[in-house]
Protein backbone atom coordinates (compact mmCIF):
# COMPACT_ATOMS: atom_id res chain seq x y z
CA MET A 1 62.86 139.39 279.05
CA ASN A 2 63.79 143.05 279.45
CA LYS A 3 65.73 144.63 276.61
CA ALA A 4 69.10 146.23 277.17
CA ILE A 5 69.01 150.00 277.49
CA LEU A 6 69.96 151.77 274.25
CA PHE A 7 72.02 154.90 274.82
CA ASN A 8 73.96 156.79 272.17
CA PHE A 9 75.44 160.26 272.74
CA GLU A 10 77.14 161.96 269.78
CA VAL A 11 78.68 165.41 269.44
CA GLU A 12 79.08 166.85 265.93
CA LYS A 13 81.12 169.98 266.50
CA GLU A 14 81.29 170.75 262.79
CA ASN A 15 77.49 170.98 262.73
CA ASN A 16 77.04 172.54 266.21
CA LEU A 17 74.90 169.51 267.08
CA ILE A 18 74.39 167.02 269.90
CA LYS A 19 72.44 163.83 269.12
CA VAL A 20 71.12 161.53 271.82
CA GLU A 21 69.27 158.25 271.35
CA ARG A 22 67.84 156.58 274.46
CA SER A 23 65.39 153.73 275.05
CA PHE A 24 62.96 153.32 277.96
CA GLN A 25 61.12 150.18 279.01
CA ALA A 26 57.62 151.63 278.83
CA PRO A 27 54.95 152.28 276.15
CA LYS A 28 55.26 155.43 274.06
CA ASP A 29 52.28 157.24 275.56
CA LEU A 30 53.70 156.86 279.05
CA VAL A 31 57.20 158.00 278.06
CA TRP A 32 55.66 160.97 276.24
CA ALA A 33 53.87 161.92 279.46
CA ALA A 34 57.15 161.74 281.40
CA TRP A 35 58.72 164.32 279.05
CA THR A 36 55.73 166.65 278.79
CA GLU A 37 54.08 166.80 282.23
CA ALA A 38 55.60 169.12 284.82
CA ASP A 39 54.98 166.93 287.88
CA ILE A 40 56.92 164.04 286.32
CA LEU A 41 59.66 166.21 284.80
CA ASP A 42 60.33 167.67 288.23
CA GLN A 43 61.08 164.17 289.51
CA TRP A 44 63.76 163.23 286.98
CA TRP A 45 65.00 166.13 284.84
CA ALA A 46 67.78 167.25 287.20
CA PRO A 47 70.77 165.06 288.14
CA LYS A 48 70.99 164.17 291.84
CA PRO A 49 71.50 165.91 294.20
CA TRP A 50 70.02 168.72 292.12
CA GLN A 51 66.27 169.04 291.70
CA ALA A 52 64.11 170.48 288.92
CA VAL A 53 61.29 172.73 290.09
CA THR A 54 58.60 174.03 287.74
CA LYS A 55 57.31 177.55 288.26
CA ALA A 56 54.89 177.43 285.31
CA MET A 57 54.27 175.18 282.31
CA ASP A 58 52.03 175.52 279.27
CA PHE A 59 52.67 172.57 276.96
CA THR A 60 51.15 174.03 273.81
CA GLU A 61 52.65 175.51 270.64
CA GLY A 62 53.69 178.97 271.73
CA GLY A 63 53.61 177.94 275.39
CA ARG A 64 56.56 177.87 277.79
CA TRP A 65 58.10 175.82 280.57
CA HIS A 66 59.69 178.09 283.20
CA TYR A 67 61.70 176.11 285.73
CA TYR A 68 64.88 176.11 287.76
CA MET A 69 67.54 173.64 288.81
CA GLN A 70 68.14 173.82 292.55
CA GLY A 71 71.41 172.61 294.02
CA PRO A 72 72.10 171.02 297.41
CA GLU A 73 73.06 174.40 298.90
CA GLY A 74 69.90 176.05 297.62
CA GLU A 75 71.45 177.70 294.56
CA ARG A 76 69.14 178.10 291.55
CA HIS A 77 69.72 178.17 287.80
CA TRP A 78 66.63 179.32 285.91
CA CYS A 79 65.69 178.10 282.42
CA LEU A 80 62.95 178.79 279.90
CA PHE A 81 61.81 176.30 277.25
CA GLU A 82 59.61 177.81 274.53
CA TYR A 83 57.53 175.21 272.65
CA LYS A 84 57.48 175.82 268.89
CA GLN A 85 56.06 172.59 267.41
CA ILE A 86 54.11 169.75 268.99
CA GLN A 87 52.81 166.59 267.35
CA PRO A 88 51.29 164.61 270.23
CA GLN A 89 53.15 161.39 271.05
CA VAL A 90 55.40 161.85 267.99
CA PHE A 91 57.69 164.84 268.58
CA TYR A 92 58.00 168.29 270.05
CA ALA A 93 60.50 171.05 269.33
CA GLY A 94 61.44 174.29 270.99
CA ILE A 95 64.18 176.57 272.26
CA ASP A 96 65.78 176.20 275.68
CA ALA A 97 67.68 179.10 277.24
CA PHE A 98 68.98 180.37 280.56
CA CYS A 99 66.91 183.10 282.18
CA ASP A 100 66.07 184.67 285.53
CA GLU A 101 63.15 184.12 287.90
CA ASN A 102 61.05 186.52 285.79
CA ALA A 103 61.73 184.54 282.58
CA VAL A 104 64.01 187.28 281.19
CA LEU A 105 66.62 185.59 278.99
CA HIS A 106 70.36 185.93 279.61
CA PRO A 107 71.73 187.31 276.32
CA SER A 108 75.28 186.04 276.89
CA MET A 109 74.33 182.43 277.70
CA PRO A 110 73.86 179.66 275.09
CA ARG A 111 70.47 178.95 273.53
CA VAL A 112 69.70 175.59 271.98
CA THR A 113 66.95 174.28 269.73
CA TRP A 114 65.65 170.89 270.85
CA LYS A 115 63.74 168.37 268.75
CA ASN A 116 62.63 165.24 270.61
CA THR A 117 61.16 162.35 268.64
CA PHE A 118 59.36 159.37 270.23
CA THR A 119 59.22 155.98 268.50
CA ALA A 120 57.58 152.78 269.74
CA ASP A 121 59.81 149.69 269.75
CA GLY A 122 57.67 146.77 270.86
CA ASP A 123 56.96 147.31 274.55
CA SER A 124 59.73 149.92 274.77
CA THR A 125 60.14 153.48 273.47
CA VAL A 126 63.12 155.16 271.85
CA VAL A 127 63.56 158.90 272.31
CA GLN A 128 65.80 160.69 269.80
CA VAL A 129 67.05 164.12 270.85
CA ARG A 130 68.65 166.65 268.50
CA MET A 131 70.14 169.75 270.08
CA GLN A 132 71.11 172.41 267.55
CA PHE A 133 73.33 175.27 268.77
CA GLU A 134 73.75 178.64 267.10
CA LYS A 135 77.54 178.43 267.19
CA GLN A 136 80.26 175.98 268.15
CA GLU A 137 81.28 178.11 271.12
CA ASP A 138 77.83 177.59 272.67
CA LEU A 139 78.04 173.83 272.20
CA GLU A 140 81.47 173.71 273.82
CA THR A 141 80.23 175.82 276.75
CA ILE A 142 77.39 173.37 277.44
CA ILE A 143 79.72 170.37 277.23
CA GLN A 144 82.19 172.02 279.63
CA MET A 145 79.32 172.67 282.06
CA GLY A 146 78.90 168.88 282.33
CA PHE A 147 75.79 168.48 280.18
CA LYS A 148 76.53 164.90 279.13
CA GLU A 149 77.03 163.71 282.70
CA GLY A 150 74.05 165.64 284.02
CA PHE A 151 71.67 164.59 281.25
CA THR A 152 72.77 160.95 281.60
CA ALA A 153 72.05 161.06 285.34
CA GLY A 154 68.64 162.60 284.70
CA LEU A 155 67.73 159.82 282.28
CA GLU A 156 68.72 157.29 284.93
CA ASN A 157 66.35 159.05 287.35
CA LEU A 158 63.60 158.47 284.79
CA ASP A 159 64.50 154.76 284.60
CA GLN A 160 64.01 154.50 288.36
CA TYR A 161 60.72 156.35 288.19
CA ILE A 162 59.47 154.00 285.45
CA ALA A 163 60.47 150.95 287.49
CA ALA A 164 58.75 152.24 290.63
CA GLN A 165 55.52 153.13 288.86
CA PHE A 166 55.25 149.85 286.98
CA TYR A 167 55.99 147.91 290.16
CA LEU A 168 53.09 149.67 291.87
CA ARG A 169 50.88 149.15 288.82
CA LYS A 170 51.31 145.39 289.16
CA GLN A 171 50.44 145.60 292.85
CA ASN A 172 47.13 147.41 292.24
CA LYS A 173 43.85 145.78 293.06
CA PRO A 174 42.83 143.41 290.23
CA ASN A 175 39.33 144.82 289.65
CA HIS A 176 37.45 148.10 289.35
CA LYS A 177 35.43 147.80 292.54
CA ALA A 178 34.99 151.35 293.80
CA ARG A 179 36.60 152.43 297.05
CA VAL A 180 37.63 155.55 298.94
CA THR A 181 41.00 155.77 300.66
CA SER A 182 43.33 158.37 302.12
CA TYR A 183 46.88 158.72 300.82
CA ILE A 184 49.65 160.23 302.92
CA ASN A 185 53.26 161.09 302.08
CA LEU A 186 55.91 161.23 304.80
CA PRO A 187 59.63 162.16 304.77
CA GLY A 188 61.01 158.73 305.69
CA THR A 189 58.75 158.01 308.69
CA THR A 190 55.98 156.06 306.92
CA GLU A 191 56.85 152.68 308.47
CA GLU A 192 56.96 154.15 311.98
CA ALA A 193 53.63 155.93 311.47
CA PHE A 194 51.86 152.92 309.98
CA ASN A 195 53.07 150.60 312.73
CA PHE A 196 51.58 153.08 315.18
CA TYR A 197 48.25 153.13 313.31
CA LYS A 198 48.35 149.34 313.09
CA SER A 199 48.63 149.10 316.88
CA VAL A 200 45.75 151.53 317.35
CA PHE A 201 43.31 149.98 314.86
CA LYS A 202 44.50 146.38 315.43
CA THR A 203 44.45 145.55 311.71
CA GLU A 204 47.05 144.09 309.33
CA PHE A 205 48.82 145.53 306.29
CA VAL A 206 47.43 144.54 302.88
CA ASN A 207 50.20 142.61 301.08
CA GLY A 208 52.79 143.81 303.58
CA ILE A 209 55.12 146.78 303.19
CA LYS A 210 56.64 147.35 299.75
CA ARG A 211 60.06 149.01 299.79
CA PHE A 212 62.10 150.95 297.26
CA GLY A 213 64.74 148.23 297.41
CA GLU A 214 62.20 145.77 295.94
CA ILE A 215 61.94 147.68 292.66
CA PRO A 216 62.92 145.13 289.99
CA ALA A 217 66.23 145.99 288.35
CA ALA A 218 66.48 146.06 284.57
CA PRO A 219 69.64 145.73 282.47
CA GLY A 220 71.47 149.04 282.33
CA GLN A 221 69.33 150.58 285.06
CA PRO A 222 71.12 152.19 288.02
CA PRO A 223 70.55 150.54 291.40
CA VAL A 224 68.38 152.17 294.03
CA ALA A 225 70.53 154.19 296.43
CA GLU A 226 71.40 152.30 299.62
CA GLU A 227 70.05 155.04 301.87
CA ILE A 228 66.51 154.65 300.52
CA LYS A 229 66.25 150.89 299.94
CA ARG A 230 64.47 150.33 303.25
CA MET A 231 62.10 153.26 302.78
CA VAL A 232 58.44 152.54 302.11
CA LEU A 233 57.35 152.51 298.49
CA HIS A 234 53.73 151.61 299.26
CA VAL A 235 51.70 150.38 302.22
CA GLU A 236 47.96 149.90 302.80
CA LEU A 237 46.25 149.52 306.18
CA PRO A 238 42.51 149.00 306.76
CA LEU A 239 41.24 151.27 309.53
CA LEU A 240 37.51 150.87 310.22
CA GLY A 241 35.05 148.98 308.03
CA ASP A 242 36.23 149.12 304.41
CA TYR A 243 38.25 152.31 304.86
CA VAL A 244 41.92 152.02 303.85
CA LEU A 245 44.85 154.31 304.60
CA MET A 246 47.72 154.26 302.09
CA GLY A 247 51.15 155.78 302.36
CA THR A 248 54.61 156.20 300.90
CA ASP A 249 57.92 157.76 301.80
CA ALA A 250 58.97 160.72 299.66
CA PRO A 251 62.77 160.47 299.61
CA LYS A 252 64.55 163.66 298.60
CA GLU A 253 67.25 161.43 297.06
CA MET A 254 64.77 160.59 294.28
CA GLY A 255 63.70 164.16 293.75
CA PHE A 256 60.50 164.13 295.81
CA THR A 257 59.45 167.23 297.69
CA LEU A 258 56.85 167.48 300.43
CA SER A 259 54.83 170.60 301.17
CA LYS A 260 53.17 171.12 304.52
CA GLY A 261 49.42 170.97 304.16
CA ASN A 262 49.65 169.01 300.92
CA ASN A 263 50.89 165.66 302.22
CA MET A 264 47.46 164.04 302.59
CA HIS A 265 44.67 163.47 300.05
CA ILE A 266 41.31 161.78 299.95
CA SER A 267 41.77 159.25 297.14
CA LEU A 268 38.80 158.11 295.06
CA GLU A 269 38.97 154.94 292.94
CA PRO A 270 35.75 154.84 290.88
CA GLU A 271 34.47 151.86 288.90
CA SER A 272 34.51 153.53 285.49
CA MET A 273 36.14 156.29 283.46
CA GLU A 274 32.76 157.98 283.16
CA GLU A 275 32.37 158.14 286.93
CA ALA A 276 35.96 159.39 287.31
CA THR A 277 35.18 162.20 284.88
CA ARG A 278 31.95 163.12 286.67
CA LEU A 279 33.62 163.20 290.08
CA PHE A 280 36.48 165.33 288.79
CA ASN A 281 34.23 167.83 287.01
CA GLU A 282 31.94 168.31 290.00
CA LEU A 283 34.44 168.22 292.87
CA SER A 284 36.99 170.51 291.22
CA LYS A 285 34.46 173.21 290.31
CA GLU A 286 35.68 176.55 291.72
CA GLY A 287 38.70 174.78 293.17
CA GLU A 288 42.39 174.75 292.25
CA ILE A 289 43.41 172.04 289.79
CA GLU A 290 46.91 170.67 290.30
CA MET A 291 46.51 168.18 287.45
CA PRO A 292 43.43 167.62 285.27
CA LEU A 293 42.13 164.10 284.71
CA GLN A 294 44.45 162.45 282.20
CA GLU A 295 46.30 159.26 281.43
CA MET A 296 49.36 158.99 283.59
CA PHE A 297 52.81 157.50 283.35
CA TYR A 298 51.87 154.47 285.43
CA GLY A 299 48.87 153.45 283.31
CA ALA A 300 45.98 155.00 285.23
CA TYR A 301 43.76 158.04 284.72
CA TYR A 302 44.62 160.45 287.49
CA ALA A 303 43.65 163.91 288.71
CA GLY A 304 44.87 165.93 291.67
CA PHE A 305 43.18 169.08 292.92
CA THR A 306 42.00 171.11 295.88
CA ASP A 307 38.28 171.78 296.10
CA LYS A 308 36.70 175.17 296.87
CA TYR A 309 36.84 174.40 300.59
CA GLY A 310 40.59 173.68 300.58
CA ILE A 311 40.33 169.87 300.76
CA ASN A 312 42.90 167.86 298.75
CA TRP A 313 41.58 165.13 296.44
CA MET A 314 43.03 162.46 294.16
CA ILE A 315 41.05 160.55 291.55
CA ASN A 316 42.67 157.36 290.31
CA TYR A 317 40.96 155.11 287.78
CA GLN A 318 43.09 152.11 286.89
CA ASN A 319 42.39 151.08 283.30
CA ASN A 320 43.36 147.40 283.59
């Protein structure tokens, strides 16, 4: 049985402090990844309809996360998080401040010191956030800007992301038999495209079409927006021989962004971690690495990169 979501939000004006305690229904290593990897942060950090976009991230002590929040009209608010302390999968601390697109800080805007602590609680994880402000005026400014509402909405985005990724994890093939597939992302037209391919290749979908509306709901978790419930979460279609084409919709309502030229990858699913490592090391040589091979939020080892010839690759080893 799923546990109820724990959520406490306290403001201690006398201490210039905000304390947040929030639980997530996922193991600690996966929740840690969701807070420390740019590609995942971009999908949940901003409240809808805003979107977080990372310009650069170096998650090391002394490193920085330079990002902006983009609004529905295209407006941007730039921020810079400077990492001061990191104890992997336990806590990280740093200073968050408003800045410009060149990472120059705004001297008149509030700065806040964050300390985020991650604690395992059975099959769930509790994240404790302490936000220390320099003065009470800064704390009140952040509250008046709608921080509580915005941060709460962002955490709900993360709940949805967790649910979607664990749903897909359960749908994965049950063994490590190697295969090569192609993975495409489309802006809401995946079902139309795959029905067209189905008619051409005269094959059938593997396990049907999985939709965002099928994501299992957990207590305290916000429902999937009505406008995306019928969109495709995952679909697989054999083409010729053993070759499989996979696809998903990338709804902007959930923070996804498509880039032309980067909406299709050759996806490799090797039989072992050793083979995944070898393929990554050799194929990515002299290429551009989007994400090095590492354990991901949804329980697999994943890498994404473009090789030296401009071809997009994904490596996905599911550690069942």
